[in-house]
Amino acid sequence: MKTIMVRSYAAIANSLDLWREYVDPDMAFSDEQFEAMSVDQRIAHIVETFGPEPTEAEISEDIGFGFTA
């Protein structure tokens, strides 16, 4: 069974590797620029670029199955 990983904006903002994968694959930001931004600034950039972080319900709808409690 294949596992789908859903990354939070905070996880992406805290990891240069995830930032490169999800936000900046063309490397428009240098490593130094990434490090110079606070996590809050990185999250703000993600929100500006992609919109608000989706809820669990929106994610489950997008990937075709629901979460169960």
N, C-alpha and C. Protein backbone atom coordinates (compact mmCIF):
# COMPACT_ATOMS: atom_id res chain seq x y z
N MET A 1 0.84 -1.18 0.00
CA MET A 1 0.00 0.00 0.00
C MET A 1 0.88 1.24 0.00
N LYS A 2 0.59 2.16 -0.89
CA LYS A 2 1.37 3.39 -1.00
C LYS A 2 0.88 4.40 0.03
N THR A 3 1.81 5.05 0.70
CA THR A 3 1.48 6.05 1.70
C THR A 3 1.60 7.43 1.08
N ILE A 4 0.60 8.25 1.30
CA ILE A 4 0.63 9.63 0.83
C ILE A 4 1.04 10.51 2.00
N MET A 5 2.11 11.26 1.80
CA MET A 5 2.58 12.15 2.85
C MET A 5 1.99 13.54 2.62
N VAL A 6 1.38 14.09 3.63
CA VAL A 6 0.86 15.45 3.57
C VAL A 6 1.71 16.29 4.52
N ARG A 7 2.32 17.31 3.99
CA ARG A 7 3.23 18.14 4.78
C ARG A 7 2.52 19.40 5.24
N SER A 8 2.72 19.75 6.49
CA SER A 8 2.17 21.00 7.00
C SER A 8 3.04 22.15 6.55
N TYR A 9 2.45 23.33 6.52
CA TYR A 9 3.22 24.51 6.18
C TYR A 9 4.38 24.69 7.15
N ALA A 10 4.16 24.41 8.42
CA ALA A 10 5.23 24.56 9.42
C ALA A 10 6.38 23.59 9.13
N ALA A 11 6.05 22.35 8.76
CA ALA A 11 7.10 21.38 8.44
C ALA A 11 7.91 21.84 7.23
N ILE A 12 7.22 22.35 6.23
CA ILE A 12 7.91 22.84 5.03
C ILE A 12 8.78 24.05 5.37
N ALA A 13 8.25 24.95 6.17
CA ALA A 13 8.98 26.17 6.53
C ALA A 13 10.20 25.89 7.39
N ASN A 14 10.24 24.74 8.05
CA ASN A 14 11.36 24.39 8.93
C ASN A 14 12.42 23.53 8.24
N SER A 15 12.21 23.17 6.98
CA SER A 15 13.14 22.27 6.31
C SER A 15 13.52 22.82 4.93
N LEU A 16 14.80 23.06 4.73
CA LEU A 16 15.25 23.53 3.43
C LEU A 16 14.94 22.50 2.34
N ASP A 17 15.10 21.22 2.65
CA ASP A 17 14.81 20.18 1.66
C ASP A 17 13.34 20.20 1.24
N LEU A 18 12.43 20.30 2.22
CA LEU A 18 11.00 20.36 1.89
C LEU A 18 10.66 21.67 1.18
N TRP A 19 11.30 22.75 1.59
CA TRP A 19 11.10 24.05 0.94
C TRP A 19 11.46 23.94 -0.54
N ARG A 20 12.59 23.32 -0.82
CA ARG A 20 13.02 23.13 -2.21
C ARG A 20 12.03 22.24 -2.97
N GLU A 21 11.54 21.20 -2.33
CA GLU A 21 10.64 20.27 -2.99
C GLU A 21 9.27 20.88 -3.29
N TYR A 22 8.70 21.60 -2.31
CA TYR A 22 7.31 22.06 -2.43
C TYR A 22 7.14 23.53 -2.81
N VAL A 23 8.05 24.38 -2.39
CA VAL A 23 7.86 25.82 -2.56
C VAL A 23 8.79 26.40 -3.62
N ASP A 24 10.03 25.97 -3.63
CA ASP A 24 11.04 26.63 -4.45
C ASP A 24 11.88 25.62 -5.26
N PRO A 25 11.23 24.82 -6.12
CA PRO A 25 12.00 23.82 -6.87
C PRO A 25 12.99 24.43 -7.86
N ASP A 26 12.75 25.68 -8.27
CA ASP A 26 13.67 26.35 -9.20
C ASP A 26 14.80 27.09 -8.49
N MET A 27 14.81 26.99 -7.17
CA MET A 27 15.85 27.59 -6.33
C MET A 27 15.97 29.09 -6.53
N ALA A 28 14.83 29.77 -6.55
CA ALA A 28 14.82 31.23 -6.64
C ALA A 28 15.40 31.85 -5.37
N PHE A 29 15.21 31.16 -4.22
CA PHE A 29 15.79 31.60 -2.95
C PHE A 29 17.10 30.86 -2.74
N SER A 30 18.14 31.58 -2.36
CA SER A 30 19.40 30.94 -2.01
C SER A 30 19.27 30.32 -0.62
N ASP A 31 20.18 29.46 -0.28
CA ASP A 31 20.20 28.89 1.07
C ASP A 31 20.29 30.01 2.11
N GLU A 32 21.08 31.03 1.80
CA GLU A 32 21.26 32.14 2.74
C GLU A 32 19.95 32.92 2.92
N GLN A 33 19.20 33.12 1.83
CA GLN A 33 17.92 33.82 1.93
C GLN A 33 16.93 33.00 2.76
N PHE A 34 16.92 31.69 2.54
CA PHE A 34 16.05 30.82 3.32
C PHE A 34 16.39 30.94 4.80
N GLU A 35 17.66 30.85 5.13
CA GLU A 35 18.11 30.91 6.53
C GLU A 35 17.85 32.29 7.15
N ALA A 36 17.89 33.34 6.35
CA ALA A 36 17.69 34.70 6.87
C ALA A 36 16.23 34.97 7.23
N MET A 37 15.30 34.22 6.63
CA MET A 37 13.88 34.40 6.93
C MET A 37 13.52 33.63 8.20
N SER A 38 12.63 34.21 8.99
CA SER A 38 12.12 33.48 10.15
C SER A 38 11.12 32.44 9.65
N VAL A 39 10.80 31.47 10.49
CA VAL A 39 9.80 30.47 10.13
C VAL A 39 8.47 31.15 9.81
N ASP A 40 8.11 32.16 10.60
CA ASP A 40 6.87 32.89 10.34
C ASP A 40 6.89 33.57 8.97
N GLN A 41 8.02 34.12 8.59
CA GLN A 41 8.14 34.73 7.26
C GLN A 41 8.00 33.69 6.15
N ARG A 42 8.61 32.52 6.37
CA ARG A 42 8.49 31.45 5.37
C ARG A 42 7.05 30.99 5.24
N ILE A 43 6.37 30.81 6.37
CA ILE A 43 4.96 30.40 6.33
C ILE A 43 4.13 31.47 5.63
N ALA A 44 4.40 32.74 5.91
CA ALA A 44 3.68 33.82 5.25
C ALA A 44 3.89 33.76 3.74
N HIS A 45 5.09 33.44 3.31
CA HIS A 45 5.37 33.31 1.88
C HIS A 45 4.57 32.15 1.27
N ILE A 46 4.51 31.03 1.99
CA ILE A 46 3.74 29.88 1.51
C ILE A 46 2.27 30.26 1.38
N VAL A 47 1.72 30.92 2.39
CA VAL A 47 0.32 31.34 2.36
C VAL A 47 0.07 32.31 1.21
N GLU A 48 0.99 33.25 1.02
CA GLU A 48 0.89 34.21 -0.08
C GLU A 48 0.88 33.50 -1.44
N THR A 49 1.69 32.47 -1.57
CA THR A 49 1.85 31.77 -2.83
C THR A 49 0.74 30.75 -3.09
N PHE A 50 0.38 29.98 -2.05
CA PHE A 50 -0.53 28.85 -2.24
C PHE A 50 -1.88 29.01 -1.55
N GLY A 51 -2.05 30.07 -0.77
CA GLY A 51 -3.29 30.26 -0.03
C GLY A 51 -3.20 29.61 1.34
N PRO A 52 -4.29 29.75 2.13
CA PRO A 52 -4.29 29.20 3.49
C PRO A 52 -4.06 27.70 3.50
N GLU A 53 -3.48 27.24 4.58
CA GLU A 53 -3.23 25.80 4.74
C GLU A 53 -4.56 25.06 4.75
N PRO A 54 -4.68 23.99 3.95
CA PRO A 54 -5.94 23.26 3.92
C PRO A 54 -6.22 22.53 5.24
N THR A 55 -7.50 22.35 5.53
CA THR A 55 -7.89 21.61 6.72
C THR A 55 -7.78 20.11 6.43
N GLU A 56 -7.85 19.28 7.47
CA GLU A 56 -7.83 17.83 7.28
C GLU A 56 -8.96 17.37 6.36
N ALA A 57 -10.14 17.98 6.52
CA ALA A 57 -11.29 17.61 5.69
C ALA A 57 -11.02 17.92 4.22
N GLU A 58 -10.42 19.08 3.95
CA GLU A 58 -10.10 19.44 2.57
C GLU A 58 -9.05 18.51 1.98
N ILE A 59 -8.08 18.14 2.79
CA ILE A 59 -7.03 17.22 2.33
C ILE A 59 -7.62 15.87 2.00
N SER A 60 -8.44 15.33 2.90
CA SER A 60 -9.01 14.01 2.66
C SER A 60 -9.91 14.00 1.44
N GLU A 61 -10.60 15.10 1.20
CA GLU A 61 -11.45 15.23 0.02
C GLU A 61 -10.59 15.25 -1.25
N ASP A 62 -9.48 15.96 -1.21
CA ASP A 62 -8.59 16.06 -2.37
C ASP A 62 -7.92 14.73 -2.72
N ILE A 63 -7.59 13.91 -1.72
CA ILE A 63 -6.90 12.67 -2.00
C ILE A 63 -7.85 11.48 -2.09
N GLY A 64 -9.13 11.74 -1.90
CA GLY A 64 -10.11 10.71 -2.20
C GLY A 64 -10.49 9.77 -1.08
N PHE A 65 -10.14 10.08 0.13
CA PHE A 65 -10.63 9.26 1.24
C PHE A 65 -10.70 10.11 2.50
N GLY A 66 -11.50 9.67 3.42
CA GLY A 66 -11.68 10.43 4.65
C GLY A 66 -10.84 9.88 5.79
N PHE A 67 -10.60 10.73 6.75
CA PHE A 67 -9.95 10.30 7.98
C PHE A 67 -11.01 9.79 8.92
N THR A 68 -10.68 8.77 9.68
CA THR A 68 -11.63 8.28 10.67
C THR A 68 -11.04 8.50 12.05
N ALA A 69 -11.93 8.78 12.98
CA ALA A 69 -11.48 9.05 14.35
C ALA A 69 -11.28 7.76 15.11
